[in-house]
Amino acid sequence: MNTRASERIHVGVPAALKWGDRQMTGIVELVNLGGMYVATTKCPELGDYVDFLFSLPGERRSFRVRGSVVFLDNGPESTGHPPGFGARFERPPVGLLEAIKSLDKKDH
């Protein structure tokens, strides 16, 4: 049974990440209406809040959103995706949700 907010869409876009006193970059590999998977060399802890800044394919604007870390994958790439973490959006801007919905329509 799929309990996701929407289908995951592969985007592969760079993102600026900030949590606590750490700042780094990562790659938004997958996105859906509920959150995203970010490939990165250093991961926050489960439950940490992370601030993201990124653009989606076909969008000129950047989106700033906060997410809570709900999944960690520090394992090798044999899992099918690079090490990183999953984050659930916290009050995402409407413009971001609309952009994700339009990506989903282009994808199918």
C-alpha atoms as a PDB file:
ATOM      1  CA  MET A   1       0.000   0.000   0.000  1.00  0.00           C
ATOM      2  CA  ASN A   2       1.397   3.393  -1.020  1.00  0.00           C
ATOM      3  CA  THR A   3       0.829   6.020   1.680  1.00  0.00           C
ATOM      4  CA  ARG A   4       2.835   8.771  -0.031  1.00  0.00           C
ATOM      5  CA  ALA A   5       1.314  12.218  -0.572  1.00  0.00           C
ATOM      6  CA  SER A   6       1.982  11.855  -4.313  1.00  0.00           C
ATOM      7  CA  GLU A   7       4.239   9.969  -6.693  1.00  0.00           C
ATOM      8  CA  ARG A   8       7.950  10.646  -6.309  1.00  0.00           C
ATOM      9  CA  ILE A   9       9.503  12.541  -9.215  1.00  0.00           C
ATOM     10  CA  HIS A  10      13.214  12.372 -10.013  1.00  0.00           C
ATOM     11  CA  VAL A  11      14.615  15.901 -10.358  1.00  0.00           C
ATOM     12  CA  GLY A  12      18.372  15.825  -9.597  1.00  0.00           C
ATOM     13  CA  VAL A  13      18.737  19.532  -8.760  1.00  0.00           C
ATOM     14  CA  PRO A  14      21.270  21.202  -6.426  1.00  0.00           C
ATOM     15  CA  ALA A  15      20.109  22.592  -3.092  1.00  0.00           C
ATOM     16  CA  ALA A  16      21.585  24.686  -0.298  1.00  0.00           C
ATOM     17  CA  LEU A  17      21.014  23.069   3.108  1.00  0.00           C
ATOM     18  CA  LYS A  18      21.218  24.551   6.588  1.00  0.00           C
ATOM     19  CA  TRP A  19      20.622  22.980   9.972  1.00  0.00           C
ATOM     20  CA  GLY A  20      21.994  24.082  13.307  1.00  0.00           C
ATOM     21  CA  ASP A  21      25.296  25.797  12.545  1.00  0.00           C
ATOM     22  CA  ARG A  22      25.975  23.646   9.458  1.00  0.00           C
ATOM     23  CA  GLN A  23      25.649  24.810   5.875  1.00  0.00           C
ATOM     24  CA  MET A  24      26.295  22.625   2.861  1.00  0.00           C
ATOM     25  CA  THR A  25      24.951  21.585  -0.504  1.00  0.00           C
ATOM     26  CA  GLY A  26      23.200  18.465  -1.678  1.00  0.00           C
ATOM     27  CA  ILE A  27      21.203  17.153  -4.612  1.00  0.00           C
ATOM     28  CA  VAL A  28      17.412  16.885  -4.460  1.00  0.00           C
ATOM     29  CA  GLU A  29      17.067  13.459  -6.073  1.00  0.00           C
ATOM     30  CA  LEU A  30      13.337  12.871  -5.557  1.00  0.00           C
ATOM     31  CA  VAL A  31      10.461  15.184  -4.687  1.00  0.00           C
ATOM     32  CA  ASN A  32       6.745  14.825  -4.062  1.00  0.00           C
ATOM     33  CA  LEU A  33       4.031  16.909  -2.406  1.00  0.00           C
ATOM     34  CA  GLY A  34       5.017  15.650   1.050  1.00  0.00           C
ATOM     35  CA  GLY A  35       8.781  16.019   0.961  1.00  0.00           C
ATOM     36  CA  MET A  36      12.006  15.021  -0.761  1.00  0.00           C
ATOM     37  CA  TYR A  37      15.083  12.813  -0.747  1.00  0.00           C
ATOM     38  CA  VAL A  38      18.378  14.707  -0.686  1.00  0.00           C
ATOM     39  CA  ALA A  39      21.707  13.097  -1.589  1.00  0.00           C
ATOM     40  CA  THR A  40      24.497  14.523   0.548  1.00  0.00           C
ATOM     41  CA  THR A  41      27.782  13.476   2.101  1.00  0.00           C
ATOM     42  CA  LYS A  42      26.830  14.564   5.645  1.00  0.00           C
ATOM     43  CA  CYS A  43      23.383  13.942   7.088  1.00  0.00           C
ATOM     44  CA  PRO A  44      21.516  15.681   9.872  1.00  0.00           C
ATOM     45  CA  GLU A  45      19.983  13.582  12.659  1.00  0.00           C
ATOM     46  CA  LEU A  46      16.495  12.082  12.543  1.00  0.00           C
ATOM     47  CA  GLY A  47      14.035  14.739  13.673  1.00  0.00           C
ATOM     48  CA  ASP A  48      16.327  17.670  12.820  1.00  0.00           C
ATOM     49  CA  TYR A  49      14.824  20.603  10.957  1.00  0.00           C
ATOM     50  CA  VAL A  50      16.632  21.567   7.757  1.00  0.00           C
ATOM     51  CA  ASP A  51      16.180  24.734   5.700  1.00  0.00           C
ATOM     52  CA  PHE A  52      16.392  24.152   1.941  1.00  0.00           C
ATOM     53  CA  LEU A  53      16.843  26.533  -0.982  1.00  0.00           C
ATOM     54  CA  PHE A  54      16.481  25.060  -4.472  1.00  0.00           C
ATOM     55  CA  SER A  55      14.879  25.448  -7.903  1.00  0.00           C
ATOM     56  CA  LEU A  56      12.901  22.841  -9.809  1.00  0.00           C
ATOM     57  CA  PRO A  57      13.379  22.018 -13.502  1.00  0.00           C
ATOM     58  CA  GLY A  58      11.596  24.541 -15.704  1.00  0.00           C
ATOM     59  CA  GLU A  59      11.213  27.062 -12.862  1.00  0.00           C
ATOM     60  CA  ARG A  60      13.088  30.350 -12.752  1.00  0.00           C
ATOM     61  CA  ARG A  61      12.254  30.996  -9.115  1.00  0.00           C
ATOM     62  CA  SER A  62      13.932  29.408  -6.137  1.00  0.00           C
ATOM     63  CA  PHE A  63      11.981  27.837  -3.319  1.00  0.00           C
ATOM     64  CA  ARG A  64      12.793  28.149   0.364  1.00  0.00           C
ATOM     65  CA  VAL A  65      11.238  25.446   2.534  1.00  0.00           C
ATOM     66  CA  ARG A  66      11.849  23.809   5.888  1.00  0.00           C
ATOM     67  CA  GLY A  67      11.704  20.062   6.359  1.00  0.00           C
ATOM     68  CA  SER A  68      12.022  17.589   9.199  1.00  0.00           C
ATOM     69  CA  VAL A  69      14.335  14.618   8.703  1.00  0.00           C
ATOM     70  CA  VAL A  70      12.286  11.402   8.671  1.00  0.00           C
ATOM     71  CA  PHE A  71      14.670   8.941   6.975  1.00  0.00           C
ATOM     72  CA  LEU A  72      18.436   8.450   6.876  1.00  0.00           C
ATOM     73  CA  ASP A  73      20.371   6.391   4.355  1.00  0.00           C
ATOM     74  CA  ASN A  74      24.092   6.310   5.077  1.00  0.00           C
ATOM     75  CA  GLY A  75      24.548   3.076   3.173  1.00  0.00           C
ATOM     76  CA  PRO A  76      26.311   2.355  -0.099  1.00  0.00           C
ATOM     77  CA  GLU A  77      24.840   3.177  -3.468  1.00  0.00           C
ATOM     78  CA  SER A  78      23.748  -0.454  -3.868  1.00  0.00           C
ATOM     79  CA  THR A  79      20.400   0.690  -2.448  1.00  0.00           C
ATOM     80  CA  GLY A  80      19.660   2.303  -5.804  1.00  0.00           C
ATOM     81  CA  HIS A  81      20.319   5.852  -4.709  1.00  0.00           C
ATOM     82  CA  PRO A  82      23.236   7.758  -3.182  1.00  0.00           C
ATOM     83  CA  PRO A  83      23.558   8.265   0.602  1.00  0.00           C
ATOM     84  CA  GLY A  84      21.379  11.035   1.988  1.00  0.00           C
ATOM     85  CA  PHE A  85      18.138  11.665   3.826  1.00  0.00           C
ATOM     86  CA  GLY A  86      14.410  12.066   3.404  1.00  0.00           C
ATOM     87  CA  ALA A  87      12.663  15.171   4.719  1.00  0.00           C
ATOM     88  CA  ARG A  88       8.986  15.915   5.195  1.00  0.00           C
ATOM     89  CA  PHE A  89       7.986  19.466   4.266  1.00  0.00           C
ATOM     90  CA  GLU A  90       6.854  21.763   7.076  1.00  0.00           C
ATOM     91  CA  ARG A  91       4.268  24.267   5.785  1.00  0.00           C
ATOM     92  CA  PRO A  92       5.557  24.308   2.172  1.00  0.00           C
ATOM     93  CA  PRO A  93       4.748  27.409   0.095  1.00  0.00           C
ATOM     94  CA  VAL A  94       1.797  27.017  -2.266  1.00  0.00           C
ATOM     95  CA  GLY A  95       4.040  27.936  -5.213  1.00  0.00           C
ATOM     96  CA  LEU A  96       6.295  24.962  -4.471  1.00  0.00           C
ATOM     97  CA  LEU A  97       3.349  22.552  -4.323  1.00  0.00           C
ATOM     98  CA  GLU A  98       2.000  23.907  -7.622  1.00  0.00           C
ATOM     99  CA  ALA A  99       5.440  23.520  -9.244  1.00  0.00           C
ATOM    100  CA  ILE A 100       5.647  19.898  -8.034  1.00  0.00           C
ATOM    101  CA  LYS A 101       2.147  19.172  -9.386  1.00  0.00           C
ATOM    102  CA  SER A 102       3.131  20.607 -12.784  1.00  0.00           C
ATOM    103  CA  LEU A 103       6.302  18.442 -12.792  1.00  0.00           C
ATOM    104  CA  ASP A 104       4.146  15.386 -12.082  1.00  0.00           C
ATOM    105  CA  LYS A 105       1.937  16.185 -15.084  1.00  0.00           C
ATOM    106  CA  LYS A 106       4.971  16.628 -17.376  1.00  0.00           C
ATOM    107  CA  ASP A 107       6.428  13.346 -16.132  1.00  0.00           C
ATOM    108  CA  HIS A 108       3.431  11.259 -17.206  1.00  0.00           C
END
